[in-house]
Amino acid sequence: MIRVLGAMMKKEHAMTVRENVHQLVDKLPEDRLEDVLDYLADLKESDEAINAATAAAIEEGLEDIRHGRTISLEEYRRTRGL
């Protein structure tokens, strides 16, 4: 009987995943919240279908990669003054 009551109490106090996420977000420093927001937005968008224009742009980029029409990250940064 005591074991059953103990298990029931644990179930009642167990946090849901959503509650755990909220708790973790509440403990984050302010300067990390924008990162979390971006990540969550990306997760939400990943479930949505892409439109034809986006699909075409992705295919164009893949074609560029296949044909070696790329630059290094260092070159990209240099050309943009980063």
PDB file of N, CA and C in Angstrom:
ATOM      1  N   MET A   1       0.825  -1.201   0.000  1.00  0.00           N
ATOM      2  CA  MET A   1       0.000   0.000   0.000  1.00  0.00           C
ATOM      3  C   MET A   1       0.864   1.258   0.000  1.00  0.00           C
ATOM      4  N   ILE A   2       1.920   1.267   0.800  1.00  0.00           N
ATOM      5  CA  ILE A   2       2.796   2.432   0.879  1.00  0.00           C
ATOM      6  C   ILE A   2       3.481   2.667  -0.460  1.00  0.00           C
ATOM      7  N   ARG A   3       3.907   1.580  -1.123  1.00  0.00           N
ATOM      8  CA  ARG A   3       4.541   1.722  -2.436  1.00  0.00           C
ATOM      9  C   ARG A   3       3.580   2.336  -3.450  1.00  0.00           C
ATOM     10  N   VAL A   4       2.344   1.917  -3.417  1.00  0.00           N
ATOM     11  CA  VAL A   4       1.342   2.431  -4.352  1.00  0.00           C
ATOM     12  C   VAL A   4       1.131   3.924  -4.116  1.00  0.00           C
ATOM     13  N   LEU A   5       1.020   4.327  -2.866  1.00  0.00           N
ATOM     14  CA  LEU A   5       0.838   5.742  -2.553  1.00  0.00           C
ATOM     15  C   LEU A   5       2.060   6.555  -2.974  1.00  0.00           C
ATOM     16  N   GLY A   6       3.244   6.008  -2.739  1.00  0.00           N
ATOM     17  CA  GLY A   6       4.471   6.695  -3.140  1.00  0.00           C
ATOM     18  C   GLY A   6       4.528   6.878  -4.642  1.00  0.00           C
ATOM     19  N   ALA A   7       4.167   5.864  -5.399  1.00  0.00           N
ATOM     20  CA  ALA A   7       4.161   5.959  -6.862  1.00  0.00           C
ATOM     21  C   ALA A   7       3.126   6.963  -7.333  1.00  0.00           C
ATOM     22  N   MET A   8       1.971   6.993  -6.688  1.00  0.00           N
ATOM     23  CA  MET A   8       0.933   7.956  -7.065  1.00  0.00           C
ATOM     24  C   MET A   8       1.405   9.375  -6.800  1.00  0.00           C
ATOM     25  N   MET A   9       2.082   9.588  -5.677  1.00  0.00           N
ATOM     26  CA  MET A   9       2.567  10.926  -5.348  1.00  0.00           C
ATOM     27  C   MET A   9       3.631  11.372  -6.343  1.00  0.00           C
ATOM     28  N   LYS A  10       4.512  10.448  -6.744  1.00  0.00           N
ATOM     29  CA  LYS A  10       5.525  10.788  -7.736  1.00  0.00           C
ATOM     30  C   LYS A  10       4.878  11.186  -9.050  1.00  0.00           C
ATOM     31  N   LYS A  11       3.836  10.465  -9.455  1.00  0.00           N
ATOM     32  CA  LYS A  11       3.137  10.786 -10.699  1.00  0.00           C
ATOM     33  C   LYS A  11       2.509  12.169 -10.634  1.00  0.00           C
ATOM     34  N   GLU A  12       1.914  12.496  -9.514  1.00  0.00           N
ATOM     35  CA  GLU A  12       1.261  13.789  -9.370  1.00  0.00           C
ATOM     36  C   GLU A  12       2.257  14.934  -9.434  1.00  0.00           C
ATOM     37  N   HIS A  13       3.471  14.704  -8.935  1.00  0.00           N
ATOM     38  CA  HIS A  13       4.463  15.764  -8.890  1.00  0.00           C
ATOM     39  C   HIS A  13       5.404  15.751 -10.085  1.00  0.00           C
ATOM     40  N   ALA A  14       5.280  14.745 -10.943  1.00  0.00           N
ATOM     41  CA  ALA A  14       6.144  14.682 -12.127  1.00  0.00           C
ATOM     42  C   ALA A  14       5.770  15.833 -13.062  1.00  0.00           C
ATOM     43  N   MET A  15       6.801  16.492 -13.558  1.00  0.00           N
ATOM     44  CA  MET A  15       6.562  17.616 -14.465  1.00  0.00           C
ATOM     45  C   MET A  15       6.422  17.099 -15.888  1.00  0.00           C
ATOM     46  N   THR A  16       5.603  17.767 -16.652  1.00  0.00           N
ATOM     47  CA  THR A  16       5.493  17.428 -18.063  1.00  0.00           C
ATOM     48  C   THR A  16       6.713  17.979 -18.789  1.00  0.00           C
ATOM     49  N   VAL A  17       6.915  17.548 -20.005  1.00  0.00           N
ATOM     50  CA  VAL A  17       8.018  18.058 -20.815  1.00  0.00           C
ATOM     51  C   VAL A  17       7.870  19.560 -21.005  1.00  0.00           C
ATOM     52  N   ARG A  18       6.650  20.000 -21.262  1.00  0.00           N
ATOM     53  CA  ARG A  18       6.396  21.433 -21.448  1.00  0.00           C
ATOM     54  C   ARG A  18       6.790  22.217 -20.197  1.00  0.00           C
ATOM     55  N   GLU A  19       6.436  21.684 -19.024  1.00  0.00           N
ATOM     56  CA  GLU A  19       6.790  22.352 -17.770  1.00  0.00           C
ATOM     57  C   GLU A  19       8.304  22.386 -17.581  1.00  0.00           C
ATOM     58  N   ASN A  20       8.980  21.292 -17.957  1.00  0.00           N
ATOM     59  CA  ASN A  20      10.439  21.262 -17.860  1.00  0.00           C
ATOM     60  C   ASN A  20      11.067  22.311 -18.773  1.00  0.00           C
ATOM     61  N   VAL A  21      10.549  22.434 -19.981  1.00  0.00           N
ATOM     62  CA  VAL A  21      11.073  23.430 -20.921  1.00  0.00           C
ATOM     63  C   VAL A  21      10.870  24.831 -20.364  1.00  0.00           C
ATOM     64  N   HIS A  22       9.692  25.110 -19.860  1.00  0.00           N
ATOM     65  CA  HIS A  22       9.425  26.427 -19.276  1.00  0.00           C
ATOM     66  C   HIS A  22      10.386  26.718 -18.123  1.00  0.00           C
ATOM     67  N   GLN A  23      10.607  25.722 -17.295  1.00  0.00           N
ATOM     68  CA  GLN A  23      11.495  25.909 -16.150  1.00  0.00           C
ATOM     69  C   GLN A  23      12.924  26.212 -16.618  1.00  0.00           C
ATOM     70  N   LEU A  24      13.392  25.491 -17.627  1.00  0.00           N
ATOM     71  CA  LEU A  24      14.736  25.731 -18.144  1.00  0.00           C
ATOM     72  C   LEU A  24      14.852  27.119 -18.769  1.00  0.00           C
ATOM     73  N   VAL A  25      13.838  27.521 -19.523  1.00  0.00           N
ATOM     74  CA  VAL A  25      13.860  28.845 -20.152  1.00  0.00           C
ATOM     75  C   VAL A  25      13.878  29.926 -19.079  1.00  0.00           C
ATOM     76  N   ASP A  26      13.108  29.746 -18.044  1.00  0.00           N
ATOM     77  CA  ASP A  26      13.069  30.736 -16.962  1.00  0.00           C
ATOM     78  C   ASP A  26      14.424  30.901 -16.272  1.00  0.00           C
ATOM     79  N   LYS A  27      15.274  29.880 -16.324  1.00  0.00           N
ATOM     80  CA  LYS A  27      16.571  29.938 -15.665  1.00  0.00           C
ATOM     81  C   LYS A  27      17.685  30.461 -16.582  1.00  0.00           C
ATOM     82  N   LEU A  28      17.394  30.628 -17.863  1.00  0.00           N
ATOM     83  CA  LEU A  28      18.434  31.086 -18.792  1.00  0.00           C
ATOM     84  C   LEU A  28      18.771  32.556 -18.581  1.00  0.00           C
ATOM     85  N   PRO A  29      20.030  32.912 -18.811  1.00  0.00           N
ATOM     86  CA  PRO A  29      20.383  34.330 -18.761  1.00  0.00           C
ATOM     87  C   PRO A  29      19.749  35.065 -19.942  1.00  0.00           C
ATOM     88  N   GLU A  30      19.459  36.324 -19.749  1.00  0.00           N
ATOM     89  CA  GLU A  30      18.789  37.135 -20.772  1.00  0.00           C
ATOM     90  C   GLU A  30      19.496  37.085 -22.120  1.00  0.00           C
ATOM     91  N   ASP A  31      20.830  37.066 -22.106  1.00  0.00           N
ATOM     92  CA  ASP A  31      21.567  37.116 -23.364  1.00  0.00           C
ATOM     93  C   ASP A  31      21.480  35.826 -24.178  1.00  0.00           C
ATOM     94  N   ARG A  32      20.876  34.772 -23.649  1.00  0.00           N
ATOM     95  CA  ARG A  32      20.714  33.509 -24.388  1.00  0.00           C
ATOM     96  C   ARG A  32      19.291  33.313 -24.897  1.00  0.00           C
ATOM     97  N   LEU A  33      18.366  34.152 -24.468  1.00  0.00           N
ATOM     98  CA  LEU A  33      16.963  33.959 -24.827  1.00  0.00           C
ATOM     99  C   LEU A  33      16.708  34.118 -26.326  1.00  0.00           C
ATOM    100  N   GLU A  34      17.421  35.025 -26.967  1.00  0.00           N
ATOM    101  CA  GLU A  34      17.222  35.205 -28.405  1.00  0.00           C
ATOM    102  C   GLU A  34      17.643  33.949 -29.168  1.00  0.00           C
ATOM    103  N   ASP A  35      18.701  33.294 -28.703  1.00  0.00           N
ATOM    104  CA  ASP A  35      19.129  32.036 -29.324  1.00  0.00           C
ATOM    105  C   ASP A  35      18.028  30.985 -29.215  1.00  0.00           C
ATOM    106  N   VAL A  36      17.420  30.900 -28.055  1.00  0.00           N
ATOM    107  CA  VAL A  36      16.346  29.933 -27.836  1.00  0.00           C
ATOM    108  C   VAL A  36      15.156  30.259 -28.729  1.00  0.00           C
ATOM    109  N   LEU A  37      14.820  31.520 -28.827  1.00  0.00           N
ATOM    110  CA  LEU A  37      13.706  31.940 -29.672  1.00  0.00           C
ATOM    111  C   LEU A  37      13.961  31.548 -31.126  1.00  0.00           C
ATOM    112  N   ASP A  38      15.167  31.808 -31.616  1.00  0.00           N
ATOM    113  CA  ASP A  38      15.515  31.436 -32.991  1.00  0.00           C
ATOM    114  C   ASP A  38      15.412  29.930 -33.187  1.00  0.00           C
ATOM    115  N   TYR A  39      15.925  29.173 -32.233  1.00  0.00           N
ATOM    116  CA  TYR A  39      15.895  27.714 -32.333  1.00  0.00           C
ATOM    117  C   TYR A  39      14.453  27.197 -32.359  1.00  0.00           C
ATOM    118  N   LEU A  40      13.623  27.708 -31.471  1.00  0.00           N
ATOM    119  CA  LEU A  40      12.228  27.261 -31.427  1.00  0.00           C
ATOM    120  C   LEU A  40      11.484  27.645 -32.699  1.00  0.00           C
ATOM    121  N   ALA A  41      11.768  28.827 -33.231  1.00  0.00           N
ATOM    122  CA  ALA A  41      11.136  29.244 -34.490  1.00  0.00           C
ATOM    123  C   ALA A  41      11.547  28.304 -35.614  1.00  0.00           C
ATOM    124  N   ASP A  42      12.818  27.909 -35.638  1.00  0.00           N
ATOM    125  CA  ASP A  42      13.288  26.967 -36.655  1.00  0.00           C
ATOM    126  C   ASP A  42      12.583  25.621 -36.521  1.00  0.00           C
ATOM    127  N   LEU A  43      12.389  25.162 -35.310  1.00  0.00           N
ATOM    128  CA  LEU A  43      11.689  23.895 -35.096  1.00  0.00           C
ATOM    129  C   LEU A  43      10.264  23.965 -35.616  1.00  0.00           C
ATOM    130  N   LYS A  44       9.606  25.064 -35.347  1.00  0.00           N
ATOM    131  CA  LYS A  44       8.224  25.231 -35.794  1.00  0.00           C
ATOM    132  C   LYS A  44       8.151  25.261 -37.309  1.00  0.00           C
ATOM    133  N   GLU A  45       9.078  25.990 -37.935  1.00  0.00           N
ATOM    134  CA  GLU A  45       9.067  26.131 -39.386  1.00  0.00           C
ATOM    135  C   GLU A  45       9.455  24.843 -40.094  1.00  0.00           C
ATOM    136  N   SER A  46      10.224  23.983 -39.443  1.00  0.00           N
ATOM    137  CA  SER A  46      10.685  22.772 -40.110  1.00  0.00           C
ATOM    138  C   SER A  46       9.546  21.829 -40.452  1.00  0.00           C
ATOM    139  N   ASP A  47       8.424  21.970 -39.783  1.00  0.00           N
ATOM    140  CA  ASP A  47       7.272  21.116 -40.061  1.00  0.00           C
ATOM    141  C   ASP A  47       6.429  21.636 -41.232  1.00  0.00           C
ATOM    142  N   GLU A  48       6.676  22.852 -41.631  1.00  0.00           N
ATOM    143  CA  GLU A  48       5.883  23.433 -42.702  1.00  0.00           C
ATOM    144  C   GLU A  48       6.494  23.097 -44.055  1.00  0.00           C
ATOM    145  N   ALA A  49       5.650  22.904 -45.054  1.00  0.00           N
ATOM    146  CA  ALA A  49       6.132  22.618 -46.396  1.00  0.00           C
ATOM    147  C   ALA A  49       6.771  23.877 -46.977  1.00  0.00           C
ATOM    148  N   ILE A  50       7.783  23.692 -47.811  1.00  0.00           N
ATOM    149  CA  ILE A  50       8.411  24.847 -48.449  1.00  0.00           C
ATOM    150  C   ILE A  50       7.687  25.147 -49.749  1.00  0.00           C
ATOM    151  N   ASN A  51       7.710  26.431 -50.128  1.00  0.00           N
ATOM    152  CA  ASN A  51       7.025  26.812 -51.359  1.00  0.00           C
ATOM    153  C   ASN A  51       7.934  26.557 -52.563  1.00  0.00           C
ATOM    154  N   ALA A  52       7.386  26.729 -53.760  1.00  0.00           N
ATOM    155  CA  ALA A  52       8.107  26.435 -54.995  1.00  0.00           C
ATOM    156  C   ALA A  52       9.345  27.309 -55.153  1.00  0.00           C
ATOM    157  N   ALA A  53       9.258  28.579 -54.781  1.00  0.00           N
ATOM    158  CA  ALA A  53      10.395  29.487 -54.927  1.00  0.00           C
ATOM    159  C   ALA A  53      11.545  29.061 -54.019  1.00  0.00           C
ATOM    160  N   THR A  54      11.230  28.657 -52.802  1.00  0.00           N
ATOM    161  CA  THR A  54      12.260  28.196 -51.878  1.00  0.00           C
ATOM    162  C   THR A  54      12.885  26.892 -52.377  1.00  0.00           C
ATOM    163  N   ALA A  55      12.058  25.978 -52.859  1.00  0.00           N
ATOM    164  CA  ALA A  55      12.561  24.710 -53.399  1.00  0.00           C
ATOM    165  C   ALA A  55      13.495  24.975 -54.581  1.00  0.00           C
ATOM    166  N   ALA A  56      13.135  25.922 -55.446  1.00  0.00           N
ATOM    167  CA  ALA A  56      13.974  26.262 -56.600  1.00  0.00           C
ATOM    168  C   ALA A  56      15.301  26.868 -56.150  1.00  0.00           C
ATOM    169  N   ALA A  57      15.265  27.723 -55.131  1.00  0.00           N
ATOM    170  CA  ALA A  57      16.486  28.339 -54.622  1.00  0.00           C
ATOM    171  C   ALA A  57      17.408  27.289 -54.011  1.00  0.00           C
ATOM    172  N   ILE A  58      16.842  26.329 -53.306  1.00  0.00           N
ATOM    173  CA  ILE A  58      17.636  25.247 -52.729  1.00  0.00           C
ATOM    174  C   ILE A  58      18.287  24.428 -53.835  1.00  0.00           C
ATOM    175  N   GLU A  59      17.513  24.092 -54.846  1.00  0.00           N
ATOM    176  CA  GLU A  59      18.055  23.316 -55.958  1.00  0.00           C
ATOM    177  C   GLU A  59      19.155  24.078 -56.685  1.00  0.00           C
ATOM    178  N   GLU A  60      18.982  25.372 -56.859  1.00  0.00           N
ATOM    179  CA  GLU A  60      20.014  26.197 -57.486  1.00  0.00           C
ATOM    180  C   GLU A  60      21.306  26.159 -56.664  1.00  0.00           C
ATOM    181  N   GLY A  61      21.167  26.274 -55.363  1.00  0.00           N
ATOM    182  CA  GLY A  61      22.330  26.212 -54.488  1.00  0.00           C
ATOM    183  C   GLY A  61      23.020  24.869 -54.556  1.00  0.00           C
ATOM    184  N   LEU A  62      22.255  23.790 -54.595  1.00  0.00           N
ATOM    185  CA  LEU A  62      22.836  22.456 -54.708  1.00  0.00           C
ATOM    186  C   LEU A  62      23.571  22.282 -56.040  1.00  0.00           C
ATOM    187  N   GLU A  63      23.005  22.828 -57.104  1.00  0.00           N
ATOM    188  CA  GLU A  63      23.666  22.795 -58.419  1.00  0.00           C
ATOM    189  C   GLU A  63      24.997  23.543 -58.364  1.00  0.00           C
ATOM    190  N   ASP A  64      25.004  24.703 -57.717  1.00  0.00           N
ATOM    191  CA  ASP A  64      26.248  25.464 -57.568  1.00  0.00           C
ATOM    192  C   ASP A  64      27.303  24.623 -56.841  1.00  0.00           C
ATOM    193  N   ILE A  65      26.896  23.948 -55.798  1.00  0.00           N
ATOM    194  CA  ILE A  65      27.824  23.103 -55.050  1.00  0.00           C
ATOM    195  C   ILE A  65      28.346  21.972 -55.927  1.00  0.00           C
ATOM    196  N   ARG A  66      27.447  21.320 -56.646  1.00  0.00           N
ATOM    197  CA  ARG A  66      27.853  20.214 -57.515  1.00  0.00           C
ATOM    198  C   ARG A  66      28.859  20.657 -58.575  1.00  0.00           C
ATOM    199  N   HIS A  67      28.741  21.889 -59.047  1.00  0.00           N
ATOM    200  CA  HIS A  67      29.618  22.392 -60.102  1.00  0.00           C
ATOM    201  C   HIS A  67      30.790  23.217 -59.559  1.00  0.00           C
ATOM    202  N   GLY A  68      30.973  23.187 -58.242  1.00  0.00           N
ATOM    203  CA  GLY A  68      32.124  23.853 -57.652  1.00  0.00           C
ATOM    204  C   GLY A  68      32.028  25.365 -57.603  1.00  0.00           C
ATOM    205  N   ARG A  69      30.852  25.905 -57.756  1.00  0.00           N
ATOM    206  CA  ARG A  69      30.677  27.362 -57.711  1.00  0.00           C
ATOM    207  C   ARG A  69      30.435  27.794 -56.264  1.00  0.00           C
ATOM    208  N   THR A  70      31.496  27.700 -55.473  1.00  0.00           N
ATOM    209  CA  THR A  70      31.414  28.043 -54.050  1.00  0.00           C
ATOM    210  C   THR A  70      32.632  28.876 -53.663  1.00  0.00           C
ATOM    211  N   ILE A  71      32.537  29.496 -52.505  1.00  0.00           N
ATOM    212  CA  ILE A  71      33.682  30.189 -51.917  1.00  0.00           C
ATOM    213  C   ILE A  71      33.790  29.740 -50.471  1.00  0.00           C
ATOM    214  N   SER A  72      34.961  29.902 -49.900  1.00  0.00           N
ATOM    215  CA  SER A  72      35.162  29.512 -48.506  1.00  0.00           C
ATOM    216  C   SER A  72      34.477  30.520 -47.589  1.00  0.00           C
ATOM    217  N   LEU A  73      34.265  30.118 -46.359  1.00  0.00           N
ATOM    218  CA  LEU A  73      33.687  31.013 -45.368  1.00  0.00           C
ATOM    219  C   LEU A  73      34.590  32.217 -45.144  1.00  0.00           C
ATOM    220  N   GLU A  74      35.900  31.963 -45.136  1.00  0.00           N
ATOM    221  CA  GLU A  74      36.853  33.071 -44.957  1.00  0.00           C
ATOM    222  C   GLU A  74      36.715  34.091 -46.082  1.00  0.00           C
ATOM    223  N   GLU A  75      36.596  33.604 -47.332  1.00  0.00           N
ATOM    224  CA  GLU A  75      36.434  34.514 -48.491  1.00  0.00           C
ATOM    225  C   GLU A  75      35.117  35.294 -48.374  1.00  0.00           C
ATOM    226  N   TYR A  76      34.064  34.626 -47.987  1.00  0.00           N
ATOM    227  CA  TYR A  76      32.767  35.274 -47.808  1.00  0.00           C
ATOM    228  C   TYR A  76      32.886  36.412 -46.784  1.00  0.00           C
ATOM    229  N   ARG A  77      33.495  36.098 -45.661  1.00  0.00           N
ATOM    230  CA  ARG A  77      33.655  37.114 -44.606  1.00  0.00           C
ATOM    231  C   ARG A  77      34.512  38.291 -45.100  1.00  0.00           C
ATOM    232  N   ARG A  78      35.600  37.978 -45.828  1.00  0.00           N
ATOM    233  CA  ARG A  78      36.509  39.009 -46.323  1.00  0.00           C
ATOM    234  C   ARG A  78      35.766  39.947 -47.289  1.00  0.00           C
ATOM    235  N   THR A  79      34.978  39.383 -48.194  1.00  0.00           N
ATOM    236  CA  THR A  79      34.282  40.210 -49.184  1.00  0.00           C
ATOM    237  C   THR A  79      33.190  41.073 -48.558  1.00  0.00           C
ATOM    238  N   ARG A  80      32.769  40.702 -47.376  1.00  0.00           N
ATOM    239  CA  ARG A  80      31.710  41.449 -46.706  1.00  0.00           C
ATOM    240  C   ARG A  80      32.221  42.247 -45.510  1.00  0.00           C
ATOM    241  N   GLY A  81      33.528  42.238 -45.340  1.00  0.00           N
ATOM    242  CA  GLY A  81      34.113  43.012 -44.264  1.00  0.00           C
ATOM    243  C   GLY A  81      33.787  42.506 -42.877  1.00  0.00           C
ATOM    244  N   LEU A  82      33.598  41.241 -42.767  1.00  0.00           N
ATOM    245  CA  LEU A  82      33.246  40.664 -41.458  1.00  0.00           C
ATOM    246  C   LEU A  82      34.459  40.122 -40.738  1.00  0.00           C
TER     247      LEU A  82
END
